[in-house]
PDB file of N, CA and C in Angstrom:
ATOM      1  N   MET A   1      99.857 121.407  71.933  1.00  0.00           N
ATOM      2  CA  MET A   1     100.135 120.031  72.297  1.00  0.00           C
ATOM      3  C   MET A   1      98.837 119.255  72.471  1.00  0.00           C
ATOM      4  N   THR A   2      98.833 118.026  72.039  1.00  0.00           N
ATOM      5  CA  THR A   2      97.644 117.188  72.195  1.00  0.00           C
ATOM      6  C   THR A   2      97.628 116.555  73.587  1.00  0.00           C
ATOM      7  N   ILE A   3      96.485 115.995  73.951  1.00  0.00           N
ATOM      8  CA  ILE A   3      96.365 115.286  75.224  1.00  0.00           C
ATOM      9  C   ILE A   3      97.395 114.158  75.277  1.00  0.00           C
ATOM     10  N   GLU A   4      97.523 113.423  74.197  1.00  0.00           N
ATOM     11  CA  GLU A   4      98.467 112.307  74.135  1.00  0.00           C
ATOM     12  C   GLU A   4      99.900 112.767  74.364  1.00  0.00           C
ATOM     13  N   GLU A   5     100.268 113.892  73.761  1.00  0.00           N
ATOM     14  CA  GLU A   5     101.630 114.416  73.913  1.00  0.00           C
ATOM     15  C   GLU A   5     101.895 114.876  75.339  1.00  0.00           C
ATOM     16  N   ILE A   6     100.911 115.517  75.943  1.00  0.00           N
ATOM     17  CA  ILE A   6     101.068 115.979  77.325  1.00  0.00           C
ATOM     18  C   ILE A   6     101.233 114.789  78.260  1.00  0.00           C
ATOM     19  N   ILE A   7     100.403 113.766  78.098  1.00  0.00           N
ATOM     20  CA  ILE A   7     100.504 112.573  78.943  1.00  0.00           C
ATOM     21  C   ILE A   7     101.842 111.878  78.708  1.00  0.00           C
ATOM     22  N   ARG A   8     102.264 111.816  77.478  1.00  0.00           N
ATOM     23  CA  ARG A   8     103.580 111.222  77.175  1.00  0.00           C
ATOM     24  C   ARG A   8     104.686 111.956  77.930  1.00  0.00           C
ATOM     25  N   ASN A   9     104.654 113.275  77.905  1.00  0.00           N
ATOM     26  CA  ASN A   9     105.661 114.074  78.612  1.00  0.00           C
ATOM     27  C   ASN A   9     105.613 113.832  80.113  1.00  0.00           C
ATOM     28  N   LEU A  10     104.407 113.792  80.676  1.00  0.00           N
ATOM     29  CA  LEU A  10     104.264 113.570  82.116  1.00  0.00           C
ATOM     30  C   LEU A  10     104.783 112.194  82.519  1.00  0.00           C
ATOM     31  N   VAL A  11     104.416 111.172  81.764  1.00  0.00           N
ATOM     32  CA  VAL A  11     104.824 109.798  82.093  1.00  0.00           C
ATOM     33  C   VAL A  11     106.337 109.628  81.944  1.00  0.00           C
ATOM     34  N   THR A  12     106.908 110.119  80.855  1.00  0.00           N
ATOM     35  CA  THR A  12     108.355 109.945  80.662  1.00  0.00           C
ATOM     36  C   THR A  12     109.144 110.736  81.698  1.00  0.00           C
ATOM     37  N   LYS A  13     108.634 111.883  82.108  1.00  0.00           N
ATOM     38  CA  LYS A  13     109.308 112.672  83.143  1.00  0.00           C
ATOM     39  C   LYS A  13     109.320 111.910  84.469  1.00  0.00           C
ATOM     40  N   LEU A  14     108.188 111.330  84.848  1.00  0.00           N
ATOM     41  CA  LEU A  14     108.102 110.597  86.113  1.00  0.00           C
ATOM     42  C   LEU A  14     108.893 109.298  86.085  1.00  0.00           C
ATOM     43  N   SER A  15     108.970 108.667  84.941  1.00  0.00           N
ATOM     44  CA  SER A  15     109.621 107.361  84.854  1.00  0.00           C
ATOM     45  C   SER A  15     111.120 107.464  84.576  1.00  0.00           C
ATOM     46  N   ASN A  16     111.585 108.622  84.207  1.00  0.00           N
ATOM     47  CA  ASN A  16     112.988 108.836  83.834  1.00  0.00           C
ATOM     48  C   ASN A  16     113.418 107.971  82.649  1.00  0.00           C
ATOM     49  N   LEU A  17     112.465 107.591  81.818  1.00  0.00           N
ATOM     50  CA  LEU A  17     112.773 106.837  80.605  1.00  0.00           C
ATOM     51  C   LEU A  17     113.014 107.803  79.452  1.00  0.00           C
ATOM     52  N   GLU A  18     113.765 107.346  78.495  1.00  0.00           N
ATOM     53  CA  GLU A  18     113.950 108.118  77.274  1.00  0.00           C
ATOM     54  C   GLU A  18     112.634 108.127  76.497  1.00  0.00           C
ATOM     55  N   ALA A  19     112.394 109.183  75.763  1.00  0.00           N
ATOM     56  CA  ALA A  19     111.145 109.314  75.009  1.00  0.00           C
ATOM     57  C   ALA A  19     110.943 108.163  74.025  1.00  0.00           C
ATOM     58  N   ASP A  20     112.022 107.625  73.468  1.00  0.00           N
ATOM     59  CA  ASP A  20     111.867 106.544  72.493  1.00  0.00           C
ATOM     60  C   ASP A  20     111.496 105.205  73.137  1.00  0.00           C
ATOM     61  N   ALA A  21     111.574 105.106  74.467  1.00  0.00           N
ATOM     62  CA  ALA A  21     111.167 103.881  75.181  1.00  0.00           C
ATOM     63  C   ALA A  21     109.682 103.911  75.533  1.00  0.00           C
ATOM     64  N   TYR A  22     109.033 105.023  75.248  1.00  0.00           N
ATOM     65  CA  TYR A  22     107.621 105.206  75.590  1.00  0.00           C
ATOM     66  C   TYR A  22     106.722 104.438  74.624  1.00  0.00           C
ATOM     67  N   SER A  23     105.691 103.822  75.183  1.00  0.00           N
ATOM     68  CA  SER A  23     104.651 103.178  74.380  1.00  0.00           C
ATOM     69  C   SER A  23     103.329 103.342  75.115  1.00  0.00           C
ATOM     70  N   ILE A  24     102.277 103.665  74.375  1.00  0.00           N
ATOM     71  CA  ILE A  24     100.981 103.892  75.018  1.00  0.00           C
ATOM     72  C   ILE A  24     100.393 102.618  75.600  1.00  0.00           C
ATOM     73  N   ASP A  25     100.931 101.470  75.209  1.00  0.00           N
ATOM     74  CA  ASP A  25     100.400 100.192  75.679  1.00  0.00           C
ATOM     75  C   ASP A  25     101.204  99.572  76.813  1.00  0.00           C
ATOM     76  N   LYS A  26     102.254 100.241  77.266  1.00  0.00           N
ATOM     77  CA  LYS A  26     103.028  99.742  78.403  1.00  0.00           C
ATOM     78  C   LYS A  26     102.285 100.064  79.698  1.00  0.00           C
ATOM     79  N   VAL A  27     102.506  99.245  80.706  1.00  0.00           N
ATOM     80  CA  VAL A  27     101.838  99.411  82.000  1.00  0.00           C
ATOM     81  C   VAL A  27     102.625 100.412  82.852  1.00  0.00           C
ATOM     82  N   LEU A  28     101.903 101.342  83.477  1.00  0.00           N
ATOM     83  CA  LEU A  28     102.546 102.400  84.256  1.00  0.00           C
ATOM     84  C   LEU A  28     103.488 101.848  85.322  1.00  0.00           C
ATOM     85  N   GLY A  29     103.025 100.866  86.089  1.00  0.00           N
ATOM     86  CA  GLY A  29     103.839 100.337  87.177  1.00  0.00           C
ATOM     87  C   GLY A  29     104.970  99.450  86.701  1.00  0.00           C
ATOM     88  N   ASP A  30     104.634  98.356  86.055  1.00  0.00           N
ATOM     89  CA  ASP A  30     105.643  97.360  85.665  1.00  0.00           C
ATOM     90  C   ASP A  30     106.601  97.859  84.591  1.00  0.00           C
ATOM     91  N   ASP A  31     106.089  98.466  83.554  1.00  0.00           N
ATOM     92  CA  ASP A  31     106.925  98.837  82.410  1.00  0.00           C
ATOM     93  C   ASP A  31     107.626 100.181  82.567  1.00  0.00           C
ATOM     94  N   PHE A  32     106.965 101.129  83.215  1.00  0.00           N
ATOM     95  CA  PHE A  32     107.564 102.453  83.383  1.00  0.00           C
ATOM     96  C   PHE A  32     108.235 102.628  84.742  1.00  0.00           C
ATOM     97  N   GLY A  33     108.001 101.693  85.664  1.00  0.00           N
ATOM     98  CA  GLY A  33     108.610 101.790  86.989  1.00  0.00           C
ATOM     99  C   GLY A  33     108.007 102.883  87.849  1.00  0.00           C
ATOM    100  N   ILE A  34     106.790 103.273  87.548  1.00  0.00           N
ATOM    101  CA  ILE A  34     106.101 104.292  88.336  1.00  0.00           C
ATOM    102  C   ILE A  34     105.563 103.636  89.599  1.00  0.00           C
ATOM    103  N   ASP A  35     105.832 104.259  90.761  1.00  0.00           N
ATOM    104  CA  ASP A  35     105.330 103.717  92.020  1.00  0.00           C
ATOM    105  C   ASP A  35     104.097 104.494  92.465  1.00  0.00           C
ATOM    106  N   SER A  36     103.575 104.153  93.630  1.00  0.00           N
ATOM    107  CA  SER A  36     102.315 104.755  94.080  1.00  0.00           C
ATOM    108  C   SER A  36     102.435 106.264  94.291  1.00  0.00           C
ATOM    109  N   LEU A  37     103.572 106.740  94.764  1.00  0.00           N
ATOM    110  CA  LEU A  37     103.745 108.188  94.930  1.00  0.00           C
ATOM    111  C   LEU A  37     103.821 108.890  93.579  1.00  0.00           C
ATOM    112  N   ASP A  38     104.505 108.264  92.633  1.00  0.00           N
ATOM    113  CA  ASP A  38     104.556 108.813  91.272  1.00  0.00           C
ATOM    114  C   ASP A  38     103.162 108.868  90.659  1.00  0.00           C
ATOM    115  N   LEU A  39     102.353 107.837  90.951  1.00  0.00           N
ATOM    116  CA  LEU A  39     100.993 107.784  90.405  1.00  0.00           C
ATOM    117  C   LEU A  39     100.165 108.956  90.923  1.00  0.00           C
ATOM    118  N   VAL A  40     100.303 109.257  92.220  1.00  0.00           N
ATOM    119  CA  VAL A  40      99.593 110.404  92.802  1.00  0.00           C
ATOM    120  C   VAL A  40     100.052 111.685  92.113  1.00  0.00           C
ATOM    121  N   GLU A  41     101.350 111.812  91.888  1.00  0.00           N
ATOM    122  CA  GLU A  41     101.880 112.994  91.202  1.00  0.00           C
ATOM    123  C   GLU A  41     101.363 113.081  89.764  1.00  0.00           C
ATOM    124  N   LEU A  42     101.274 111.939  89.094  1.00  0.00           N
ATOM    125  CA  LEU A  42     100.748 111.900  87.727  1.00  0.00           C
ATOM    126  C   LEU A  42      99.291 112.346  87.698  1.00  0.00           C
ATOM    127  N   ILE A  43      98.503 111.849  88.633  1.00  0.00           N
ATOM    128  CA  ILE A  43      97.093 112.242  88.725  1.00  0.00           C
ATOM    129  C   ILE A  43      96.983 113.742  88.963  1.00  0.00           C
ATOM    130  N   MET A  44      97.759 114.260  89.923  1.00  0.00           N
ATOM    131  CA  MET A  44      97.698 115.694  90.235  1.00  0.00           C
ATOM    132  C   MET A  44      98.149 116.540  89.046  1.00  0.00           C
ATOM    133  N   SER A  45      99.158 116.086  88.334  1.00  0.00           N
ATOM    134  CA  SER A  45      99.636 116.819  87.153  1.00  0.00           C
ATOM    135  C   SER A  45      98.568 116.866  86.069  1.00  0.00           C
ATOM    136  N   CYS A  46      97.887 115.743  85.857  1.00  0.00           N
ATOM    137  CA  CYS A  46      96.798 115.708  84.868  1.00  0.00           C
ATOM    138  C   CYS A  46      95.659 116.627  85.296  1.00  0.00           C
ATOM    139  N   GLU A  47      95.340 116.613  86.578  1.00  0.00           N
ATOM    140  CA  GLU A  47      94.264 117.477  87.071  1.00  0.00           C
ATOM    141  C   GLU A  47      94.595 118.943  86.827  1.00  0.00           C
ATOM    142  N   ARG A  48      95.830 119.336  87.129  1.00  0.00           N
ATOM    143  CA  ARG A  48      96.252 120.731  86.910  1.00  0.00           C
ATOM    144  C   ARG A  48      96.276 121.071  85.424  1.00  0.00           C
ATOM    145  N   GLU A  49      96.865 120.210  84.648  1.00  0.00           N
ATOM    146  CA  GLU A  49      97.055 120.465  83.213  1.00  0.00           C
ATOM    147  C   GLU A  49      95.732 120.581  82.461  1.00  0.00           C
ATOM    148  N   PHE A  50      94.770 119.732  82.822  1.00  0.00           N
ATOM    149  CA  PHE A  50      93.523 119.663  82.062  1.00  0.00           C
ATOM    150  C   PHE A  50      92.318 120.244  82.794  1.00  0.00           C
ATOM    151  N   GLY A  51      92.503 120.690  84.042  1.00  0.00           N
ATOM    152  CA  GLY A  51      91.397 121.275  84.797  1.00  0.00           C
ATOM    153  C   GLY A  51      90.297 120.282  85.119  1.00  0.00           C
ATOM    154  N   ILE A  52      90.699 119.060  85.466  1.00  0.00           N
ATOM    155  CA  ILE A  52      89.736 117.991  85.752  1.00  0.00           C
ATOM    156  C   ILE A  52      90.001 117.412  87.136  1.00  0.00           C
ATOM    157  N   LEU A  53      89.113 116.526  87.581  1.00  0.00           N
ATOM    158  CA  LEU A  53      89.288 115.817  88.844  1.00  0.00           C
ATOM    159  C   LEU A  53      89.300 114.322  88.558  1.00  0.00           C
ATOM    160  N   ILE A  54      90.374 113.661  88.970  1.00  0.00           N
ATOM    161  CA  ILE A  54      90.497 112.214  88.816  1.00  0.00           C
ATOM    162  C   ILE A  54      90.532 111.607  90.210  1.00  0.00           C
ATOM    163  N   HIS A  55      89.602 110.731  90.494  1.00  0.00           N
ATOM    164  CA  HIS A  55      89.579 110.061  91.792  1.00  0.00           C
ATOM    165  C   HIS A  55      90.654 108.980  91.812  1.00  0.00           C
ATOM    166  N   ASP A  56      91.274 108.785  92.969  1.00  0.00           N
ATOM    167  CA  ASP A  56      92.379 107.829  93.095  1.00  0.00           C
ATOM    168  C   ASP A  56      92.036 106.445  92.557  1.00  0.00           C
ATOM    169  N   GLU A  57      90.807 106.004  92.794  1.00  0.00           N
ATOM    170  CA  GLU A  57      90.426 104.649  92.384  1.00  0.00           C
ATOM    171  C   GLU A  57      90.209 104.522  90.867  1.00  0.00           C
ATOM    172  N   GLU A  58      90.243 105.626  90.143  1.00  0.00           N
ATOM    173  CA  GLU A  58      90.026 105.587  88.692  1.00  0.00           C
ATOM    174  C   GLU A  58      91.292 105.243  87.902  1.00  0.00           C
ATOM    175  N   LEU A  59      92.435 105.300  88.566  1.00  0.00           N
ATOM    176  CA  LEU A  59      93.690 105.023  87.879  1.00  0.00           C
ATOM    177  C   LEU A  59      94.589 104.215  88.799  1.00  0.00           C
ATOM    178  N   SER A  60      95.200 103.170  88.259  1.00  0.00           N
ATOM    179  CA  SER A  60      96.102 102.345  89.067  1.00  0.00           C
ATOM    180  C   SER A  60      97.407 102.111  88.314  1.00  0.00           C
ATOM    181  N   LEU A  61      98.346 101.485  89.005  1.00  0.00           N
ATOM    182  CA  LEU A  61      99.638 101.175  88.401  1.00  0.00           C
ATOM    183  C   LEU A  61      99.518 100.141  87.291  1.00  0.00           C
ATOM    184  N   ASN A  62      98.363  99.469  87.214  1.00  0.00           N
ATOM    185  CA  ASN A  62      98.135  98.467  86.171  1.00  0.00           C
ATOM    186  C   ASN A  62      97.574  99.067  84.886  1.00  0.00           C
ATOM    187  N   HIS A  63      97.323 100.363  84.874  1.00  0.00           N
ATOM    188  CA  HIS A  63      96.792 101.021  83.686  1.00  0.00           C
ATOM    189  C   HIS A  63      97.926 101.423  82.742  1.00  0.00           C
ATOM    190  N   THR A  64      97.551 101.731  81.523  1.00  0.00           N
ATOM    191  CA  THR A  64      98.506 102.165  80.498  1.00  0.00           C
ATOM    192  C   THR A  64      98.288 103.649  80.193  1.00  0.00           C
ATOM    193  N   PRO A  65      99.250 104.303  79.544  1.00  0.00           N
ATOM    194  CA  PRO A  65      99.029 105.672  79.106  1.00  0.00           C
ATOM    195  C   PRO A  65      97.808 105.803  78.184  1.00  0.00           C
ATOM    196  N   ALA A  66      97.534 104.776  77.382  1.00  0.00           N
ATOM    197  CA  ALA A  66      96.349 104.815  76.511  1.00  0.00           C
ATOM    198  C   ALA A  66      95.077 104.896  77.351  1.00  0.00           C
ATOM    199  N   GLN A  67      95.028 104.128  78.439  1.00  0.00           N
ATOM    200  CA  GLN A  67      93.855 104.166  79.317  1.00  0.00           C
ATOM    201  C   GLN A  67      93.765 105.503  80.043  1.00  0.00           C
ATOM    202  N   LEU A  68      94.898 106.047  80.446  1.00  0.00           N
ATOM    203  CA  LEU A  68      94.908 107.362  81.088  1.00  0.00           C
ATOM    204  C   LEU A  68      94.415 108.423  80.112  1.00  0.00           C
ATOM    205  N   THR A  69      94.833 108.346  78.866  1.00  0.00           N
ATOM    206  CA  THR A  69      94.390 109.299  77.846  1.00  0.00           C
ATOM    207  C   THR A  69      92.876 109.252  77.685  1.00  0.00           C
ATOM    208  N   GLU A  70      92.320 108.060  77.627  1.00  0.00           N
ATOM    209  CA  GLU A  70      90.864 107.916  77.500  1.00  0.00           C
ATOM    210  C   GLU A  70      90.147 108.460  78.731  1.00  0.00           C
ATOM    211  N   LEU A  71      90.712 108.223  79.911  1.00  0.00           N
ATOM    212  CA  LEU A  71      90.127 108.748  81.145  1.00  0.00           C
ATOM    213  C   LEU A  71      90.123 110.275  81.124  1.00  0.00           C
ATOM    214  N   VAL A  72      91.241 110.870  80.731  1.00  0.00           N
ATOM    215  CA  VAL A  72      91.340 112.331  80.665  1.00  0.00           C
ATOM    216  C   VAL A  72      90.341 112.886  79.652  1.00  0.00           C
ATOM    217  N   LYS A  73      90.252 112.276  78.486  1.00  0.00           N
ATOM    218  CA  LYS A  73      89.289 112.736  77.471  1.00  0.00           C
ATOM    219  C   LYS A  73      87.860 112.657  78.001  1.00  0.00           C
ATOM    220  N   SER A  74      87.549 111.591  78.717  1.00  0.00           N
ATOM    221  CA  SER A  74      86.219 111.419  79.300  1.00  0.00           C
ATOM    222  C   SER A  74      85.932 112.506  80.335  1.00  0.00           C
ATOM    223  N   LYS A  75      86.921 112.801  81.170  1.00  0.00           N
ATOM    224  CA  LYS A  75      86.751 113.829  82.207  1.00  0.00           C
ATOM    225  C   LYS A  75      86.590 115.217  81.582  1.00  0.00           C
ATOM    226  N   ILE A  76      87.330 115.492  80.539  1.00  0.00           N
ATOM    227  CA  ILE A  76      87.205 116.781  79.848  1.00  0.00           C
ATOM    228  C   ILE A  76      85.817 116.896  79.235  1.00  0.00           C
ATOM    229  N   SER A  77      85.342 115.826  78.650  1.00  0.00           N
ATOM    230  CA  SER A  77      84.002 115.792  78.058  1.00  0.00           C
ATOM    231  C   SER A  77      82.934 116.053  79.115  1.00  0.00           C
ATOM    232  N   GLU A  78      83.068 115.373  80.267  1.00  0.00           N
ATOM    233  CA  GLU A  78      82.121 115.574  81.375  1.00  0.00           C
ATOM    234  C   GLU A  78      82.132 117.025  81.832  1.00  0.00           C
ATOM    235  N   LYS A  79      83.334 117.596  81.942  1.00  0.00           N
ATOM    236  CA  LYS A  79      83.477 118.980  82.389  1.00  0.00           C
ATOM    237  C   LYS A  79      82.807 119.933  81.406  1.00  0.00           C
ATOM    238  N   ASN A  80      82.967 119.685  80.124  1.00  0.00           N
ATOM    239  CA  ASN A  80      82.396 120.557  79.099  1.00  0.00           C
ATOM    240  C   ASN A  80      80.878 120.448  79.015  1.00  0.00           C
ATOM    241  N   MET A  81      80.326 119.307  79.435  1.00  0.00           N
ATOM    242  CA  MET A  81      78.873 119.126  79.429  1.00  0.00           C
ATOM    243  C   MET A  81      78.201 119.798  80.622  1.00  0.00           C
ATOM    244  N   ALA A  82      78.973 120.002  81.683  1.00  0.00           N
ATOM    245  CA  ALA A  82      78.404 120.572  82.918  1.00  0.00           C
ATOM    246  C   ALA A  82      78.100 122.042  82.778  1.00  0.00           C
TER     247      ALA A  82
END
């Protein structure tokens, strides 16, 4: 599975939306209905899945799955350079 596919699965699971309603450009809070507790769960799931650390202030309900994907890729890159 790719990073994009994993994030898609995590977001659709938390939002209870059908997979065909998913778009990488939709906003986590407004479009997916993810609340602050869901956001914490999403961050923790990404951390577990990818072995990275995401600080709370790095992701908000105003971000999109595309932005989350880029953040995860950046964190993986940082981890691999260390």
